[in-house]
Amino acid sequence: MARSEHFVETELDSEDTIRLKNLIHLIDGFSSELSLEILATTDYILKDNPSLSLEGVMNKIWNERKKELFKEEHVSIAYKQLLDYSDKLA
């Protein structure tokens, strides 16, 4: 048994196990460094501005590097994923 599986089975209670599984489902498909950065940045923006539209999120991206790298279609995927999972990660 892998160490991480052992830890989950022996150290986490059922609530934490469910939260971990929800987190794994949330990041499923976001396996590259860039996609995880887009997901994390979008989440960071939405934490302080939960009612922002996709356009609002795009306008809050704060540095030139991110503005050049983050395409709206990719941010849109992260935005939708976060909205779909927002109630499961609270």
PDB file of N, CA and C in Angstrom:
ATOM      1  N   MET A   1       0.844  -1.171   0.000  1.00  0.00           N
ATOM      2  CA  MET A   1       0.000   0.000   0.000  1.00  0.00           C
ATOM      3  C   MET A   1       0.897   1.244   0.000  1.00  0.00           C
ATOM      4  N   ALA A   2       0.546   2.193  -0.823  1.00  0.00           N
ATOM      5  CA  ALA A   2       1.315   3.434  -0.898  1.00  0.00           C
ATOM      6  C   ALA A   2       1.182   4.204   0.414  1.00  0.00           C
ATOM      7  N   ARG A   3       2.203   4.960   0.743  1.00  0.00           N
ATOM      8  CA  ARG A   3       2.189   5.724   1.990  1.00  0.00           C
ATOM      9  C   ARG A   3       1.014   6.684   2.056  1.00  0.00           C
ATOM     10  N   SER A   4       0.701   7.309   0.917  1.00  0.00           N
ATOM     11  CA  SER A   4      -0.421   8.259   0.924  1.00  0.00           C
ATOM     12  C   SER A   4      -1.749   7.547   1.171  1.00  0.00           C
ATOM     13  N   GLU A   5      -1.929   6.376   0.578  1.00  0.00           N
ATOM     14  CA  GLU A   5      -3.154   5.609   0.815  1.00  0.00           C
ATOM     15  C   GLU A   5      -3.242   5.185   2.281  1.00  0.00           C
ATOM     16  N   HIS A   6      -2.118   4.765   2.824  1.00  0.00           N
ATOM     17  CA  HIS A   6      -2.079   4.369   4.230  1.00  0.00           C
ATOM     18  C   HIS A   6      -2.460   5.548   5.130  1.00  0.00           C
ATOM     19  N   PHE A   7      -1.915   6.711   4.824  1.00  0.00           N
ATOM     20  CA  PHE A   7      -2.225   7.910   5.603  1.00  0.00           C
ATOM     21  C   PHE A   7      -3.718   8.214   5.547  1.00  0.00           C
ATOM     22  N   VAL A   8      -4.300   8.187   4.349  1.00  0.00           N
ATOM     23  CA  VAL A   8      -5.722   8.485   4.185  1.00  0.00           C
ATOM     24  C   VAL A   8      -6.561   7.504   4.996  1.00  0.00           C
ATOM     25  N   GLU A   9      -6.210   6.239   4.917  1.00  0.00           N
ATOM     26  CA  GLU A   9      -7.004   5.216   5.604  1.00  0.00           C
ATOM     27  C   GLU A   9      -6.842   5.246   7.123  1.00  0.00           C
ATOM     28  N   THR A  10      -5.689   5.665   7.604  1.00  0.00           N
ATOM     29  CA  THR A  10      -5.449   5.586   9.048  1.00  0.00           C
ATOM     30  C   THR A  10      -5.541   6.926   9.779  1.00  0.00           C
ATOM     31  N   GLU A  11      -5.318   8.019   9.081  1.00  0.00           N
ATOM     32  CA  GLU A  11      -5.230   9.314   9.765  1.00  0.00           C
ATOM     33  C   GLU A  11      -6.404  10.257   9.497  1.00  0.00           C
ATOM     34  N   LEU A  12      -7.110  10.077   8.405  1.00  0.00           N
ATOM     35  CA  LEU A  12      -8.199  10.997   8.078  1.00  0.00           C
ATOM     36  C   LEU A  12      -9.532  10.439   8.556  1.00  0.00           C
ATOM     37  N   ASP A  13     -10.363  11.332   9.084  1.00  0.00           N
ATOM     38  CA  ASP A  13     -11.705  10.886   9.427  1.00  0.00           C
ATOM     39  C   ASP A  13     -12.557  10.907   8.151  1.00  0.00           C
ATOM     40  N   SER A  14     -13.778  10.449   8.246  1.00  0.00           N
ATOM     41  CA  SER A  14     -14.612  10.306   7.045  1.00  0.00           C
ATOM     42  C   SER A  14     -14.885  11.652   6.369  1.00  0.00           C
ATOM     43  N   GLU A  15     -15.054  12.705   7.147  1.00  0.00           N
ATOM     44  CA  GLU A  15     -15.289  14.029   6.576  1.00  0.00           C
ATOM     45  C   GLU A  15     -14.074  14.508   5.785  1.00  0.00           C
ATOM     46  N   ASP A  16     -12.880  14.334   6.337  1.00  0.00           N
ATOM     47  CA  ASP A  16     -11.659  14.733   5.630  1.00  0.00           C
ATOM     48  C   ASP A  16     -11.435  13.880   4.388  1.00  0.00           C
ATOM     49  N   THR A  17     -11.779  12.617   4.450  1.00  0.00           N
ATOM     50  CA  THR A  17     -11.643  11.734   3.286  1.00  0.00           C
ATOM     51  C   THR A  17     -12.549  12.206   2.154  1.00  0.00           C
ATOM     52  N   ILE A  18     -13.770  12.595   2.494  1.00  0.00           N
ATOM     53  CA  ILE A  18     -14.697  13.113   1.480  1.00  0.00           C
ATOM     54  C   ILE A  18     -14.165  14.409   0.884  1.00  0.00           C
ATOM     55  N   ARG A  19     -13.642  15.295   1.734  1.00  0.00           N
ATOM     56  CA  ARG A  19     -13.081  16.563   1.237  1.00  0.00           C
ATOM     57  C   ARG A  19     -11.896  16.308   0.309  1.00  0.00           C
ATOM     58  N   LEU A  20     -11.041  15.338   0.662  1.00  0.00           N
ATOM     59  CA  LEU A  20      -9.900  14.995  -0.178  1.00  0.00           C
ATOM     60  C   LEU A  20     -10.367  14.456  -1.523  1.00  0.00           C
ATOM     61  N   LYS A  21     -11.355  13.581  -1.520  1.00  0.00           N
ATOM     62  CA  LYS A  21     -11.887  13.039  -2.777  1.00  0.00           C
ATOM     63  C   LYS A  21     -12.489  14.140  -3.633  1.00  0.00           C
ATOM     64  N   ASN A  22     -13.203  15.076  -3.006  1.00  0.00           N
ATOM     65  CA  ASN A  22     -13.755  16.206  -3.764  1.00  0.00           C
ATOM     66  C   ASN A  22     -12.645  17.065  -4.364  1.00  0.00           C
ATOM     67  N   LEU A  23     -11.580  17.277  -3.615  1.00  0.00           N
ATOM     68  CA  LEU A  23     -10.440  18.038  -4.130  1.00  0.00           C
ATOM     69  C   LEU A  23      -9.804  17.324  -5.320  1.00  0.00           C
ATOM     70  N   ILE A  24      -9.656  16.020  -5.222  1.00  0.00           N
ATOM     71  CA  ILE A  24      -9.081  15.252  -6.327  1.00  0.00           C
ATOM     72  C   ILE A  24      -9.956  15.377  -7.569  1.00  0.00           C
ATOM     73  N   HIS A  25     -11.279  15.324  -7.389  1.00  0.00           N
ATOM     74  CA  HIS A  25     -12.176  15.500  -8.534  1.00  0.00           C
ATOM     75  C   HIS A  25     -12.087  16.920  -9.089  1.00  0.00           C
ATOM     76  N   LEU A  26     -11.931  17.901  -8.209  1.00  0.00           N
ATOM     77  CA  LEU A  26     -11.818  19.291  -8.654  1.00  0.00           C
ATOM     78  C   LEU A  26     -10.612  19.475  -9.572  1.00  0.00           C
ATOM     79  N   ILE A  27      -9.473  18.949  -9.197  1.00  0.00           N
ATOM     80  CA  ILE A  27      -8.258  19.187  -9.989  1.00  0.00           C
ATOM     81  C   ILE A  27      -8.070  18.185 -11.124  1.00  0.00           C
ATOM     82  N   ASP A  28      -8.964  17.199 -11.229  1.00  0.00           N
ATOM     83  CA  ASP A  28      -8.885  16.233 -12.318  1.00  0.00           C
ATOM     84  C   ASP A  28      -8.945  16.982 -13.653  1.00  0.00           C
ATOM     85  N   GLY A  29      -7.989  16.726 -14.504  1.00  0.00           N
ATOM     86  CA  GLY A  29      -7.915  17.404 -15.792  1.00  0.00           C
ATOM     87  C   GLY A  29      -7.031  18.644 -15.763  1.00  0.00           C
ATOM     88  N   PHE A  30      -6.601  19.052 -14.602  1.00  0.00           N
ATOM     89  CA  PHE A  30      -5.723  20.214 -14.455  1.00  0.00           C
ATOM     90  C   PHE A  30      -4.347  19.713 -14.015  1.00  0.00           C
ATOM     91  N   SER A  31      -3.694  18.994 -14.896  1.00  0.00           N
ATOM     92  CA  SER A  31      -2.466  18.306 -14.497  1.00  0.00           C
ATOM     93  C   SER A  31      -1.181  19.047 -14.851  1.00  0.00           C
ATOM     94  N   SER A  32      -1.260  20.009 -15.740  1.00  0.00           N
ATOM     95  CA  SER A  32      -0.037  20.748 -16.073  1.00  0.00           C
ATOM     96  C   SER A  32       0.157  21.893 -15.088  1.00  0.00           C
ATOM     97  N   GLU A  33       1.369  22.390 -15.005  1.00  0.00           N
ATOM     98  CA  GLU A  33       1.659  23.509 -14.117  1.00  0.00           C
ATOM     99  C   GLU A  33       0.815  24.722 -14.486  1.00  0.00           C
ATOM    100  N   LEU A  34       0.687  24.989 -15.797  1.00  0.00           N
ATOM    101  CA  LEU A  34      -0.083  26.149 -16.237  1.00  0.00           C
ATOM    102  C   LEU A  34      -1.559  25.993 -15.881  1.00  0.00           C
ATOM    103  N   SER A  35      -2.121  24.821 -16.123  1.00  0.00           N
ATOM    104  CA  SER A  35      -3.551  24.646 -15.831  1.00  0.00           C
ATOM    105  C   SER A  35      -3.822  24.753 -14.334  1.00  0.00           C
ATOM    106  N   LEU A  36      -2.923  24.237 -13.506  1.00  0.00           N
ATOM    107  CA  LEU A  36      -3.086  24.390 -12.058  1.00  0.00           C
ATOM    108  C   LEU A  36      -2.936  25.848 -11.634  1.00  0.00           C
ATOM    109  N   GLU A  37      -2.048  26.577 -12.281  1.00  0.00           N
ATOM    110  CA  GLU A  37      -1.885  28.005 -11.980  1.00  0.00           C
ATOM    111  C   GLU A  37      -3.146  28.776 -12.355  1.00  0.00           C
ATOM    112  N   ILE A  38      -3.746  28.440 -13.494  1.00  0.00           N
ATOM    113  CA  ILE A  38      -4.992  29.091 -13.912  1.00  0.00           C
ATOM    114  C   ILE A  38      -6.103  28.782 -12.911  1.00  0.00           C
ATOM    115  N   LEU A  39      -6.216  27.526 -12.519  1.00  0.00           N
ATOM    116  CA  LEU A  39      -7.241  27.132 -11.548  1.00  0.00           C
ATOM    117  C   LEU A  39      -7.023  27.858 -10.218  1.00  0.00           C
ATOM    118  N   ALA A  40      -5.796  27.882  -9.734  1.00  0.00           N
ATOM    119  CA  ALA A  40      -5.485  28.528  -8.455  1.00  0.00           C
ATOM    120  C   ALA A  40      -5.715  30.038  -8.519  1.00  0.00           C
ATOM    121  N   THR A  41      -5.323  30.663  -9.603  1.00  0.00           N
ATOM    122  CA  THR A  41      -5.502  32.109  -9.752  1.00  0.00           C
ATOM    123  C   THR A  41      -6.984  32.458  -9.816  1.00  0.00           C
ATOM    124  N   THR A  42      -7.731  31.688 -10.574  1.00  0.00           N
ATOM    125  CA  THR A  42      -9.172  31.919 -10.683  1.00  0.00           C
ATOM    126  C   THR A  42      -9.833  31.751  -9.319  1.00  0.00           C
ATOM    127  N   ASP A  43      -9.425  30.724  -8.595  1.00  0.00           N
ATOM    128  CA  ASP A  43      -9.963  30.502  -7.246  1.00  0.00           C
ATOM    129  C   ASP A  43      -9.617  31.670  -6.329  1.00  0.00           C
ATOM    130  N   TYR A  44      -8.386  32.132  -6.388  1.00  0.00           N
ATOM    131  CA  TYR A  44      -7.937  33.255  -5.557  1.00  0.00           C
ATOM    132  C   TYR A  44      -8.790  34.500  -5.827  1.00  0.00           C
ATOM    133  N   ILE A  45      -9.043  34.776  -7.087  1.00  0.00           N
ATOM    134  CA  ILE A  45      -9.853  35.940  -7.460  1.00  0.00           C
ATOM    135  C   ILE A  45     -11.287  35.776  -6.960  1.00  0.00           C
ATOM    136  N   LEU A  46     -11.845  34.597  -7.151  1.00  0.00           N
ATOM    137  CA  LEU A  46     -13.234  34.364  -6.762  1.00  0.00           C
ATOM    138  C   LEU A  46     -13.430  34.335  -5.251  1.00  0.00           C
ATOM    139  N   LYS A  47     -12.386  33.999  -4.495  1.00  0.00           N
ATOM    140  CA  LYS A  47     -12.509  33.978  -3.024  1.00  0.00           C
ATOM    141  C   LYS A  47     -12.935  35.339  -2.486  1.00  0.00           C
ATOM    142  N   ASP A  48     -12.337  36.392  -2.998  1.00  0.00           N
ATOM    143  CA  ASP A  48     -12.662  37.748  -2.535  1.00  0.00           C
ATOM    144  C   ASP A  48     -13.792  38.391  -3.330  1.00  0.00           C
ATOM    145  N   ASN A  49     -14.132  37.788  -4.475  1.00  0.00           N
ATOM    146  CA  ASN A  49     -15.141  38.365  -5.371  1.00  0.00           C
ATOM    147  C   ASN A  49     -16.032  37.250  -5.912  1.00  0.00           C
ATOM    148  N   PRO A  50     -16.804  36.585  -5.056  1.00  0.00           N
ATOM    149  CA  PRO A  50     -17.523  35.385  -5.484  1.00  0.00           C
ATOM    150  C   PRO A  50     -18.597  35.610  -6.543  1.00  0.00           C
ATOM    151  N   SER A  51     -19.046  36.826  -6.720  1.00  0.00           N
ATOM    152  CA  SER A  51     -20.103  37.071  -7.705  1.00  0.00           C
ATOM    153  C   SER A  51     -19.569  37.547  -9.058  1.00  0.00           C
ATOM    154  N   LEU A  52     -18.252  37.552  -9.212  1.00  0.00           N
ATOM    155  CA  LEU A  52     -17.684  38.015 -10.485  1.00  0.00           C
ATOM    156  C   LEU A  52     -18.062  37.106 -11.638  1.00  0.00           C
ATOM    157  N   SER A  53     -18.283  37.730 -12.783  1.00  0.00           N
ATOM    158  CA  SER A  53     -18.483  36.985 -14.022  1.00  0.00           C
ATOM    159  C   SER A  53     -17.114  36.556 -14.560  1.00  0.00           C
ATOM    160  N   LEU A  54     -17.130  35.747 -15.584  1.00  0.00           N
ATOM    161  CA  LEU A  54     -15.874  35.352 -16.229  1.00  0.00           C
ATOM    162  C   LEU A  54     -15.112  36.591 -16.700  1.00  0.00           C
ATOM    163  N   GLU A  55     -15.816  37.529 -17.291  1.00  0.00           N
ATOM    164  CA  GLU A  55     -15.170  38.768 -17.747  1.00  0.00           C
ATOM    165  C   GLU A  55     -14.546  39.514 -16.574  1.00  0.00           C
ATOM    166  N   GLY A  56     -15.237  39.543 -15.457  1.00  0.00           N
ATOM    167  CA  GLY A  56     -14.704  40.184 -14.257  1.00  0.00           C
ATOM    168  C   GLY A  56     -13.445  39.506 -13.757  1.00  0.00           C
ATOM    169  N   VAL A  57     -13.436  38.175 -13.801  1.00  0.00           N
ATOM    170  CA  VAL A  57     -12.237  37.425 -13.396  1.00  0.00           C
ATOM    171  C   VAL A  57     -11.085  37.781 -14.327  1.00  0.00           C
ATOM    172  N   MET A  58     -11.344  37.804 -15.620  1.00  0.00           N
ATOM    173  CA  MET A  58     -10.294  38.137 -16.584  1.00  0.00           C
ATOM    174  C   MET A  58      -9.727  39.532 -16.306  1.00  0.00           C
ATOM    175  N   ASN A  59     -10.569  40.453 -15.921  1.00  0.00           N
ATOM    176  CA  ASN A  59     -10.119  41.822 -15.639  1.00  0.00           C
ATOM    177  C   ASN A  59      -9.331  41.929 -14.344  1.00  0.00           C
ATOM    178  N   LYS A  60      -9.484  40.974 -13.443  1.00  0.00           N
ATOM    179  CA  LYS A  60      -8.774  41.005 -12.157  1.00  0.00           C
ATOM    180  C   LYS A  60      -7.406  40.318 -12.216  1.00  0.00           C
ATOM    181  N   ILE A  61      -7.085  39.673 -13.321  1.00  0.00           N
ATOM    182  CA  ILE A  61      -5.762  39.038 -13.437  1.00  0.00           C
ATOM    183  C   ILE A  61      -4.726  40.146 -13.373  1.00  0.00           C
ATOM    184  N   TRP A  62      -3.805  40.035 -12.416  1.00  0.00           N
ATOM    185  CA  TRP A  62      -3.041  41.193 -11.968  1.00  0.00           C
ATOM    186  C   TRP A  62      -1.668  41.390 -12.571  1.00  0.00           C
ATOM    187  N   ASN A  63      -1.090  40.423 -13.257  1.00  0.00           N
ATOM    188  CA  ASN A  63       0.229  40.744 -13.797  1.00  0.00           C
ATOM    189  C   ASN A  63       0.322  40.395 -15.280  1.00  0.00           C
ATOM    190  N   GLU A  64       1.266  41.016 -15.928  1.00  0.00           N
ATOM    191  CA  GLU A  64       1.385  40.886 -17.384  1.00  0.00           C
ATOM    192  C   GLU A  64       1.673  39.453 -17.820  1.00  0.00           C
ATOM    193  N   ARG A  65       2.476  38.751 -17.061  1.00  0.00           N
ATOM    194  CA  ARG A  65       2.788  37.362 -17.417  1.00  0.00           C
ATOM    195  C   ARG A  65       1.515  36.530 -17.473  1.00  0.00           C
ATOM    196  N   LYS A  66       0.689  36.647 -16.430  1.00  0.00           N
ATOM    197  CA  LYS A  66      -0.558  35.895 -16.396  1.00  0.00           C
ATOM    198  C   LYS A  66      -1.498  36.369 -17.505  1.00  0.00           C
ATOM    199  N   LYS A  67      -1.560  37.659 -17.729  1.00  0.00           N
ATOM    200  CA  LYS A  67      -2.435  38.190 -18.783  1.00  0.00           C
ATOM    201  C   LYS A  67      -2.042  37.646 -20.151  1.00  0.00           C
ATOM    202  N   GLU A  68      -0.760  37.466 -20.379  1.00  0.00           N
ATOM    203  CA  GLU A  68      -0.304  36.931 -21.669  1.00  0.00           C
ATOM    204  C   GLU A  68      -0.537  35.424 -21.769  1.00  0.00           C
ATOM    205  N   LEU A  69      -0.323  34.700 -20.682  1.00  0.00           N
ATOM    206  CA  LEU A  69      -0.439  33.239 -20.706  1.00  0.00           C
ATOM    207  C   LEU A  69      -1.877  32.733 -20.614  1.00  0.00           C
ATOM    208  N   PHE A  70      -2.707  33.398 -19.841  1.00  0.00           N
ATOM    209  CA  PHE A  70      -4.047  32.901 -19.560  1.00  0.00           C
ATOM    210  C   PHE A  70      -5.010  33.299 -20.671  1.00  0.00           C
ATOM    211  N   LYS A  71      -5.449  32.343 -21.436  1.00  0.00           N
ATOM    212  CA  LYS A  71      -6.440  32.572 -22.482  1.00  0.00           C
ATOM    213  C   LYS A  71      -7.828  32.469 -21.861  1.00  0.00           C
ATOM    214  N   GLU A  72      -8.739  33.268 -22.355  1.00  0.00           N
ATOM    215  CA  GLU A  72     -10.082  33.288 -21.770  1.00  0.00           C
ATOM    216  C   GLU A  72     -10.738  31.908 -21.803  1.00  0.00           C
ATOM    217  N   GLU A  73     -10.515  31.150 -22.850  1.00  0.00           N
ATOM    218  CA  GLU A  73     -11.148  29.824 -22.902  1.00  0.00           C
ATOM    219  C   GLU A  73     -10.620  28.911 -21.790  1.00  0.00           C
ATOM    220  N   HIS A  74      -9.357  29.061 -21.413  1.00  0.00           N
ATOM    221  CA  HIS A  74      -8.798  28.248 -20.335  1.00  0.00           C
ATOM    222  C   HIS A  74      -9.299  28.719 -18.969  1.00  0.00           C
ATOM    223  N   VAL A  75      -9.371  30.023 -18.781  1.00  0.00           N
ATOM    224  CA  VAL A  75      -9.904  30.565 -17.537  1.00  0.00           C
ATOM    225  C   VAL A  75     -11.377  30.169 -17.407  1.00  0.00           C
ATOM    226  N   SER A  76     -12.081  30.143 -18.519  1.00  0.00           N
ATOM    227  CA  SER A  76     -13.491  29.745 -18.521  1.00  0.00           C
ATOM    228  C   SER A  76     -13.673  28.317 -18.006  1.00  0.00           C
ATOM    229  N   ILE A  77     -12.791  27.430 -18.392  1.00  0.00           N
ATOM    230  CA  ILE A  77     -12.853  26.035 -17.932  1.00  0.00           C
ATOM    231  C   ILE A  77     -12.626  25.984 -16.421  1.00  0.00           C
ATOM    232  N   ALA A  78     -11.628  26.709 -15.944  1.00  0.00           N
ATOM    233  CA  ALA A  78     -11.344  26.750 -14.501  1.00  0.00           C
ATOM    234  C   ALA A  78     -12.509  27.392 -13.750  1.00  0.00           C
ATOM    235  N   TYR A  79     -13.043  28.466 -14.280  1.00  0.00           N
ATOM    236  CA  TYR A  79     -14.163  29.184 -13.673  1.00  0.00           C
ATOM    237  C   TYR A  79     -15.366  28.246 -13.513  1.00  0.00           C
ATOM    238  N   LYS A  80     -15.702  27.535 -14.567  1.00  0.00           N
ATOM    239  CA  LYS A  80     -16.831  26.605 -14.513  1.00  0.00           C
ATOM    240  C   LYS A  80     -16.560  25.485 -13.514  1.00  0.00           C
ATOM    241  N   GLN A  81     -15.355  24.954 -13.524  1.00  0.00           N
ATOM    242  CA  GLN A  81     -15.004  23.877 -12.595  1.00  0.00           C
ATOM    243  C   GLN A  81     -15.154  24.341 -11.145  1.00  0.00           C
ATOM    244  N   LEU A  82     -14.678  25.536 -10.862  1.00  0.00           N
ATOM    245  CA  LEU A  82     -14.779  26.057  -9.501  1.00  0.00           C
ATOM    246  C   LEU A  82     -16.229  26.309  -9.095  1.00  0.00           C
ATOM    247  N   LEU A  83     -17.034  26.813 -10.004  1.00  0.00           N
ATOM    248  CA  LEU A  83     -18.451  27.016  -9.691  1.00  0.00           C
ATOM    249  C   LEU A  83     -19.149  25.685  -9.451  1.00  0.00           C
ATOM    250  N   ASP A  84     -18.824  24.687 -10.259  1.00  0.00           N
ATOM    251  CA  ASP A  84     -19.445  23.355 -10.119  1.00  0.00           C
ATOM    252  C   ASP A  84     -19.083  22.700  -8.789  1.00  0.00           C
ATOM    253  N   TYR A  85     -17.880  22.973  -8.287  1.00  0.00           N
ATOM    254  CA  TYR A  85     -17.406  22.319  -7.085  1.00  0.00           C
ATOM    255  C   TYR A  85     -17.429  23.188  -5.841  1.00  0.00           C
ATOM    256  N   SER A  86     -17.883  24.426  -5.953  1.00  0.00           N
ATOM    257  CA  SER A  86     -17.791  25.351  -4.828  1.00  0.00           C
ATOM    258  C   SER A  86     -18.511  24.855  -3.580  1.00  0.00           C
ATOM    259  N   ASP A  87     -19.641  24.214  -3.737  1.00  0.00           N
ATOM    260  CA  ASP A  87     -20.370  23.739  -2.560  1.00  0.00           C
ATOM    261  C   ASP A  87     -19.749  22.492  -1.946  1.00  0.00           C
ATOM    262  N   LYS A  88     -18.946  21.773  -2.694  1.00  0.00           N
ATOM    263  CA  LYS A  88     -18.331  20.548  -2.188  1.00  0.00           C
ATOM    264  C   LYS A  88     -17.037  20.781  -1.428  1.00  0.00           C
ATOM    265  N   LEU A  89     -16.466  21.957  -1.578  1.00  0.00           N
ATOM    266  CA  LEU A  89     -15.174  22.237  -0.958  1.00  0.00           C
ATOM    267  C   LEU A  89     -15.264  23.164   0.237  1.00  0.00           C
ATOM    268  N   ALA A  90     -16.433  23.576   0.574  1.00  0.00           N
ATOM    269  CA  ALA A  90     -16.591  24.516   1.693  1.00  0.00           C
ATOM    270  C   ALA A  90     -16.217  23.887   3.022  1.00  0.00           C
TER     271      ALA A  90
END
